[in-house]
Amino acid sequence: MQIQADTQRCVGAGMCALTAPALFDQCDHDGTVVLLGAGVCGPEAADAARAAVAHCPSGALSLTD
């Protein structure tokens, strides 16, 4: 599974990093999303990735198989 993050759309709410800290972090400069692990998500983290996408208030995150 591949995670995409639109940093132009991100509002820096941090829900992704709170929901799935192994997959996401926030930029120290402006708080926007930072993908960890090159945005690749294995099956063991798929549920966390889906939850982060669902909780993103700006819709900046998406997933592809």
PDB file of N, CA and C in Angstrom:
ATOM      1  N   MET A   1       0.855  -1.164   0.000  1.00  0.00           N
ATOM      2  CA  MET A   1       0.000   0.000   0.000  1.00  0.00           C
ATOM      3  C   MET A   1       0.907   1.234   0.000  1.00  0.00           C
ATOM      4  N   GLN A   2       0.545   2.200  -0.792  1.00  0.00           N
ATOM      5  CA  GLN A   2       1.300   3.451  -0.894  1.00  0.00           C
ATOM      6  C   GLN A   2       0.472   4.596  -0.316  1.00  0.00           C
ATOM      7  N   ILE A   3       1.119   5.425   0.488  1.00  0.00           N
ATOM      8  CA  ILE A   3       0.468   6.580   1.085  1.00  0.00           C
ATOM      9  C   ILE A   3       0.902   7.821   0.310  1.00  0.00           C
ATOM     10  N   GLN A   4      -0.057   8.655  -0.052  1.00  0.00           N
ATOM     11  CA  GLN A   4       0.235   9.939  -0.679  1.00  0.00           C
ATOM     12  C   GLN A   4      -0.178  11.042   0.279  1.00  0.00           C
ATOM     13  N   ALA A   5       0.645  12.073   0.319  1.00  0.00           N
ATOM     14  CA  ALA A   5       0.356  13.222   1.164  1.00  0.00           C
ATOM     15  C   ALA A   5       0.510  14.494   0.360  1.00  0.00           C
ATOM     16  N   ASP A   6      -0.518  15.304   0.329  1.00  0.00           N
ATOM     17  CA  ASP A   6      -0.499  16.588  -0.359  1.00  0.00           C
ATOM     18  C   ASP A   6      -0.143  17.668   0.659  1.00  0.00           C
ATOM     19  N   THR A   7       1.120  18.043   0.692  1.00  0.00           N
ATOM     20  CA  THR A   7       1.571  19.020   1.694  1.00  0.00           C
ATOM     21  C   THR A   7       1.003  20.409   1.439  1.00  0.00           C
ATOM     22  N   GLN A   8       0.559  20.685   0.217  1.00  0.00           N
ATOM     23  CA  GLN A   8      -0.073  21.970  -0.073  1.00  0.00           C
ATOM     24  C   GLN A   8      -1.468  22.045   0.539  1.00  0.00           C
ATOM     25  N   ARG A   9      -2.102  20.898   0.675  1.00  0.00           N
ATOM     26  CA  ARG A   9      -3.454  20.838   1.239  1.00  0.00           C
ATOM     27  C   ARG A   9      -3.447  20.662   2.767  1.00  0.00           C
ATOM     28  N   CYS A  10      -2.356  20.115   3.290  1.00  0.00           N
ATOM     29  CA  CYS A  10      -2.232  19.831   4.715  1.00  0.00           C
ATOM     30  C   CYS A  10      -2.325  21.119   5.537  1.00  0.00           C
ATOM     31  N   VAL A  11      -3.089  21.060   6.636  1.00  0.00           N
ATOM     32  CA  VAL A  11      -3.234  22.221   7.519  1.00  0.00           C
ATOM     33  C   VAL A  11      -2.431  22.075   8.811  1.00  0.00           C
ATOM     34  N   GLY A  12      -1.689  20.977   8.941  1.00  0.00           N
ATOM     35  CA  GLY A  12      -0.830  20.792  10.101  1.00  0.00           C
ATOM     36  C   GLY A  12      -1.561  20.438  11.383  1.00  0.00           C
ATOM     37  N   ALA A  13      -2.722  19.813  11.273  1.00  0.00           N
ATOM     38  CA  ALA A  13      -3.486  19.446  12.463  1.00  0.00           C
ATOM     39  C   ALA A  13      -2.791  18.346  13.278  1.00  0.00           C
ATOM     40  N   GLY A  14      -2.014  17.507  12.625  1.00  0.00           N
ATOM     41  CA  GLY A  14      -1.255  16.469  13.315  1.00  0.00           C
ATOM     42  C   GLY A  14      -2.015  15.197  13.626  1.00  0.00           C
ATOM     43  N   MET A  15      -3.221  15.058  13.126  1.00  0.00           N
ATOM     44  CA  MET A  15      -3.997  13.852  13.398  1.00  0.00           C
ATOM     45  C   MET A  15      -3.314  12.607  12.843  1.00  0.00           C
ATOM     46  N   CYS A  16      -2.624  12.741  11.720  1.00  0.00           N
ATOM     47  CA  CYS A  16      -1.928  11.598  11.141  1.00  0.00           C
ATOM     48  C   CYS A  16      -0.829  11.105  12.074  1.00  0.00           C
ATOM     49  N   ALA A  17      -0.024  12.020  12.587  1.00  0.00           N
ATOM     50  CA  ALA A  17       1.077  11.650  13.476  1.00  0.00           C
ATOM     51  C   ALA A  17       0.559  11.107  14.805  1.00  0.00           C
ATOM     52  N   LEU A  18      -0.571  11.598  15.263  1.00  0.00           N
ATOM     53  CA  LEU A  18      -1.161  11.083  16.500  1.00  0.00           C
ATOM     54  C   LEU A  18      -1.784   9.704  16.297  1.00  0.00           C
ATOM     55  N   THR A  19      -2.388   9.503  15.133  1.00  0.00           N
ATOM     56  CA  THR A  19      -3.079   8.252  14.835  1.00  0.00           C
ATOM     57  C   THR A  19      -2.109   7.141  14.449  1.00  0.00           C
ATOM     58  N   ALA A  20      -1.092   7.469  13.671  1.00  0.00           N
ATOM     59  CA  ALA A  20      -0.147   6.468  13.174  1.00  0.00           C
ATOM     60  C   ALA A  20       1.283   7.015  13.222  1.00  0.00           C
ATOM     61  N   PRO A  21       1.860   7.121  14.416  1.00  0.00           N
ATOM     62  CA  PRO A  21       3.189   7.727  14.551  1.00  0.00           C
ATOM     63  C   PRO A  21       4.311   6.950  13.867  1.00  0.00           C
ATOM     64  N   ALA A  22       4.094   5.690  13.562  1.00  0.00           N
ATOM     65  CA  ALA A  22       5.109   4.925  12.840  1.00  0.00           C
ATOM     66  C   ALA A  22       5.122   5.267  11.352  1.00  0.00           C
ATOM     67  N   LEU A  23       4.056   5.901  10.873  1.00  0.00           N
ATOM     68  CA  LEU A  23       3.924   6.212   9.451  1.00  0.00           C
ATOM     69  C   LEU A  23       4.074   7.692   9.136  1.00  0.00           C
ATOM     70  N   PHE A  24       3.748   8.564  10.104  1.00  0.00           N
ATOM     71  CA  PHE A  24       3.709   9.999   9.858  1.00  0.00           C
ATOM     72  C   PHE A  24       4.435  10.786  10.940  1.00  0.00           C
ATOM     73  N   ASP A  25       4.947  11.924  10.539  1.00  0.00           N
ATOM     74  CA  ASP A  25       5.503  12.898  11.465  1.00  0.00           C
ATOM     75  C   ASP A  25       5.058  14.260  10.960  1.00  0.00           C
ATOM     76  N   GLN A  26       5.487  15.305  11.641  1.00  0.00           N
ATOM     77  CA  GLN A  26       5.172  16.666  11.213  1.00  0.00           C
ATOM     78  C   GLN A  26       6.462  17.441  11.005  1.00  0.00           C
ATOM     79  N   CYS A  27       6.450  18.302  10.021  1.00  0.00           N
ATOM     80  CA  CYS A  27       7.584  19.160   9.711  1.00  0.00           C
ATOM     81  C   CYS A  27       7.802  20.139  10.872  1.00  0.00           C
ATOM     82  N   ASP A  28       9.050  20.271  11.289  1.00  0.00           N
ATOM     83  CA  ASP A  28       9.363  21.196  12.376  1.00  0.00           C
ATOM     84  C   ASP A  28       9.095  22.648  11.985  1.00  0.00           C
ATOM     85  N   HIS A  29       9.205  22.936  10.702  1.00  0.00           N
ATOM     86  CA  HIS A  29       9.057  24.313  10.218  1.00  0.00           C
ATOM     87  C   HIS A  29       7.601  24.791  10.212  1.00  0.00           C
ATOM     88  N   ASP A  30       6.707  23.996   9.617  1.00  0.00           N
ATOM     89  CA  ASP A  30       5.332  24.475   9.458  1.00  0.00           C
ATOM     90  C   ASP A  30       4.255  23.486   9.918  1.00  0.00           C
ATOM     91  N   GLY A  31       4.658  22.341  10.445  1.00  0.00           N
ATOM     92  CA  GLY A  31       3.699  21.378  10.971  1.00  0.00           C
ATOM     93  C   GLY A  31       3.036  20.486   9.949  1.00  0.00           C
ATOM     94  N   THR A  32       3.381  20.638   8.674  1.00  0.00           N
ATOM     95  CA  THR A  32       2.753  19.806   7.649  1.00  0.00           C
ATOM     96  C   THR A  32       3.242  18.367   7.746  1.00  0.00           C
ATOM     97  N   VAL A  33       2.487  17.485   7.141  1.00  0.00           N
ATOM     98  CA  VAL A  33       2.738  16.053   7.206  1.00  0.00           C
ATOM     99  C   VAL A  33       4.085  15.690   6.579  1.00  0.00           C
ATOM    100  N   VAL A  34       4.749  14.733   7.222  1.00  0.00           N
ATOM    101  CA  VAL A  34       5.973  14.125   6.706  1.00  0.00           C
ATOM    102  C   VAL A  34       5.732  12.621   6.689  1.00  0.00           C
ATOM    103  N   LEU A  35       5.916  12.001   5.514  1.00  0.00           N
ATOM    104  CA  LEU A  35       5.764  10.556   5.407  1.00  0.00           C
ATOM    105  C   LEU A  35       7.040   9.877   5.867  1.00  0.00           C
ATOM    106  N   LEU A  36       6.899   8.879   6.708  1.00  0.00           N
ATOM    107  CA  LEU A  36       8.036   8.083   7.147  1.00  0.00           C
ATOM    108  C   LEU A  36       8.089   6.805   6.315  1.00  0.00           C
ATOM    109  N   GLY A  37       9.249   6.274   6.095  1.00  0.00           N
ATOM    110  CA  GLY A  37       9.369   5.030   5.336  1.00  0.00           C
ATOM    111  C   GLY A  37       9.008   5.173   3.875  1.00  0.00           C
ATOM    112  N   ALA A  38       9.263   6.320   3.286  1.00  0.00           N
ATOM    113  CA  ALA A  38       8.992   6.586   1.866  1.00  0.00           C
ATOM    114  C   ALA A  38       7.521   6.401   1.499  1.00  0.00           C
ATOM    115  N   GLY A  39       6.633   6.457   2.481  1.00  0.00           N
ATOM    116  CA  GLY A  39       5.209   6.370   2.199  1.00  0.00           C
ATOM    117  C   GLY A  39       4.719   4.979   1.868  1.00  0.00           C
ATOM    118  N   VAL A  40       5.563   3.981   2.102  1.00  0.00           N
ATOM    119  CA  VAL A  40       5.165   2.603   1.840  1.00  0.00           C
ATOM    120  C   VAL A  40       4.648   1.998   3.137  1.00  0.00           C
ATOM    121  N   CYS A  41       3.507   1.361   3.034  1.00  0.00           N
ATOM    122  CA  CYS A  41       2.840   0.811   4.215  1.00  0.00           C
ATOM    123  C   CYS A  41       2.604  -0.681   3.998  1.00  0.00           C
ATOM    124  N   GLY A  42       3.149  -1.498   4.880  1.00  0.00           N
ATOM    125  CA  GLY A  42       2.927  -2.930   4.805  1.00  0.00           C
ATOM    126  C   GLY A  42       1.588  -3.329   5.390  1.00  0.00           C
ATOM    127  N   PRO A  43       1.217  -4.601   5.238  1.00  0.00           N
ATOM    128  CA  PRO A  43      -0.085  -5.076   5.728  1.00  0.00           C
ATOM    129  C   PRO A  43      -0.279  -4.879   7.226  1.00  0.00           C
ATOM    130  N   GLU A  44       0.805  -4.930   7.990  1.00  0.00           N
ATOM    131  CA  GLU A  44       0.697  -4.798   9.440  1.00  0.00           C
ATOM    132  C   GLU A  44       0.304  -3.389   9.872  1.00  0.00           C
ATOM    133  N   ALA A  45       0.523  -2.408   9.004  1.00  0.00           N
ATOM    134  CA  ALA A  45       0.200  -1.018   9.337  1.00  0.00           C
ATOM    135  C   ALA A  45      -0.971  -0.476   8.521  1.00  0.00           C
ATOM    136  N   ALA A  46      -1.616  -1.324   7.747  1.00  0.00           N
ATOM    137  CA  ALA A  46      -2.692  -0.872   6.866  1.00  0.00           C
ATOM    138  C   ALA A  46      -3.859  -0.259   7.634  1.00  0.00           C
ATOM    139  N   ASP A  47      -4.248  -0.858   8.743  1.00  0.00           N
ATOM    140  CA  ASP A  47      -5.368  -0.319   9.524  1.00  0.00           C
ATOM    141  C   ASP A  47      -5.029   1.063  10.078  1.00  0.00           C
ATOM    142  N   ALA A  48      -3.801   1.238  10.553  1.00  0.00           N
ATOM    143  CA  ALA A  48      -3.375   2.540  11.072  1.00  0.00           C
ATOM    144  C   ALA A  48      -3.354   3.580   9.957  1.00  0.00           C
ATOM    145  N   ALA A  49      -2.908   3.193   8.780  1.00  0.00           N
ATOM    146  CA  ALA A  49      -2.882   4.117   7.642  1.00  0.00           C
ATOM    147  C   ALA A  49      -4.289   4.536   7.253  1.00  0.00           C
ATOM    148  N   ARG A  50      -5.208   3.586   7.203  1.00  0.00           N
ATOM    149  CA  ARG A  50      -6.599   3.903   6.870  1.00  0.00           C
ATOM    150  C   ARG A  50      -7.220   4.835   7.914  1.00  0.00           C
ATOM    151  N   ALA A  51      -6.912   4.596   9.176  1.00  0.00           N
ATOM    152  CA  ALA A  51      -7.441   5.455  10.241  1.00  0.00           C
ATOM    153  C   ALA A  51      -6.893   6.869  10.114  1.00  0.00           C
ATOM    154  N   ALA A  52      -5.610   7.003   9.798  1.00  0.00           N
ATOM    155  CA  ALA A  52      -5.010   8.331   9.635  1.00  0.00           C
ATOM    156  C   ALA A  52      -5.651   9.075   8.472  1.00  0.00           C
ATOM    157  N   VAL A  53      -5.888   8.384   7.368  1.00  0.00           N
ATOM    158  CA  VAL A  53      -6.544   9.007   6.213  1.00  0.00           C
ATOM    159  C   VAL A  53      -7.950   9.462   6.601  1.00  0.00           C
ATOM    160  N   ALA A  54      -8.658   8.631   7.319  1.00  0.00           N
ATOM    161  CA  ALA A  54     -10.036   8.959   7.724  1.00  0.00           C
ATOM    162  C   ALA A  54     -10.082  10.139   8.685  1.00  0.00           C
ATOM    163  N   HIS A  55      -9.060  10.308   9.518  1.00  0.00           N
ATOM    164  CA  HIS A  55      -9.047  11.376  10.518  1.00  0.00           C
ATOM    165  C   HIS A  55      -8.436  12.682  10.022  1.00  0.00           C
ATOM    166  N   CYS A  56      -7.865  12.683   8.840  1.00  0.00           N
ATOM    167  CA  CYS A  56      -7.228  13.899   8.322  1.00  0.00           C
ATOM    168  C   CYS A  56      -8.295  14.958   8.011  1.00  0.00           C
ATOM    169  N   PRO A  57      -8.287  16.085   8.727  1.00  0.00           N
ATOM    170  CA  PRO A  57      -9.344  17.079   8.538  1.00  0.00           C
ATOM    171  C   PRO A  57      -9.284  17.817   7.203  1.00  0.00           C
ATOM    172  N   SER A  58      -8.121  17.843   6.575  1.00  0.00           N
ATOM    173  CA  SER A  58      -7.998  18.573   5.314  1.00  0.00           C
ATOM    174  C   SER A  58      -8.106  17.673   4.083  1.00  0.00           C
ATOM    175  N   GLY A  59      -8.127  16.358   4.286  1.00  0.00           N
ATOM    176  CA  GLY A  59      -8.177  15.434   3.159  1.00  0.00           C
ATOM    177  C   GLY A  59      -6.863  15.378   2.393  1.00  0.00           C
ATOM    178  N   ALA A  60      -5.762  15.662   3.067  1.00  0.00           N
ATOM    179  CA  ALA A  60      -4.456  15.691   2.406  1.00  0.00           C
ATOM    180  C   ALA A  60      -3.851  14.317   2.199  1.00  0.00           C
ATOM    181  N   LEU A  61      -4.422  13.291   2.813  1.00  0.00           N
ATOM    182  CA  LEU A  61      -3.869  11.939   2.721  1.00  0.00           C
ATOM    183  C   LEU A  61      -4.745  11.050   1.871  1.00  0.00           C
ATOM    184  N   SER A  62      -4.089  10.140   1.144  1.00  0.00           N
ATOM    185  CA  SER A  62      -4.815   9.129   0.374  1.00  0.00           C
ATOM    186  C   SER A  62      -3.965   7.867   0.299  1.00  0.00           C
ATOM    187  N   LEU A  63      -4.621   6.762  -0.067  1.00  0.00           N
ATOM    188  CA  LEU A  63      -3.955   5.459  -0.165  1.00  0.00           C
ATOM    189  C   LEU A  63      -4.211   4.841  -1.518  1.00  0.00           C
ATOM    190  N   THR A  64      -3.220   4.118  -2.021  1.00  0.00           N
ATOM    191  CA  THR A  64      -3.395   3.296  -3.215  1.00  0.00           C
ATOM    192  C   THR A  64      -2.821   1.920  -2.914  1.00  0.00           C
ATOM    193  N   ASP A  65      -3.414   0.912  -3.530  1.00  0.00           N
ATOM    194  CA  ASP A  65      -2.929  -0.470  -3.311  1.00  0.00           C
ATOM    195  C   ASP A  65      -1.737  -0.800  -4.139  1.00  0.00           C
TER     196      ASP A  65
END
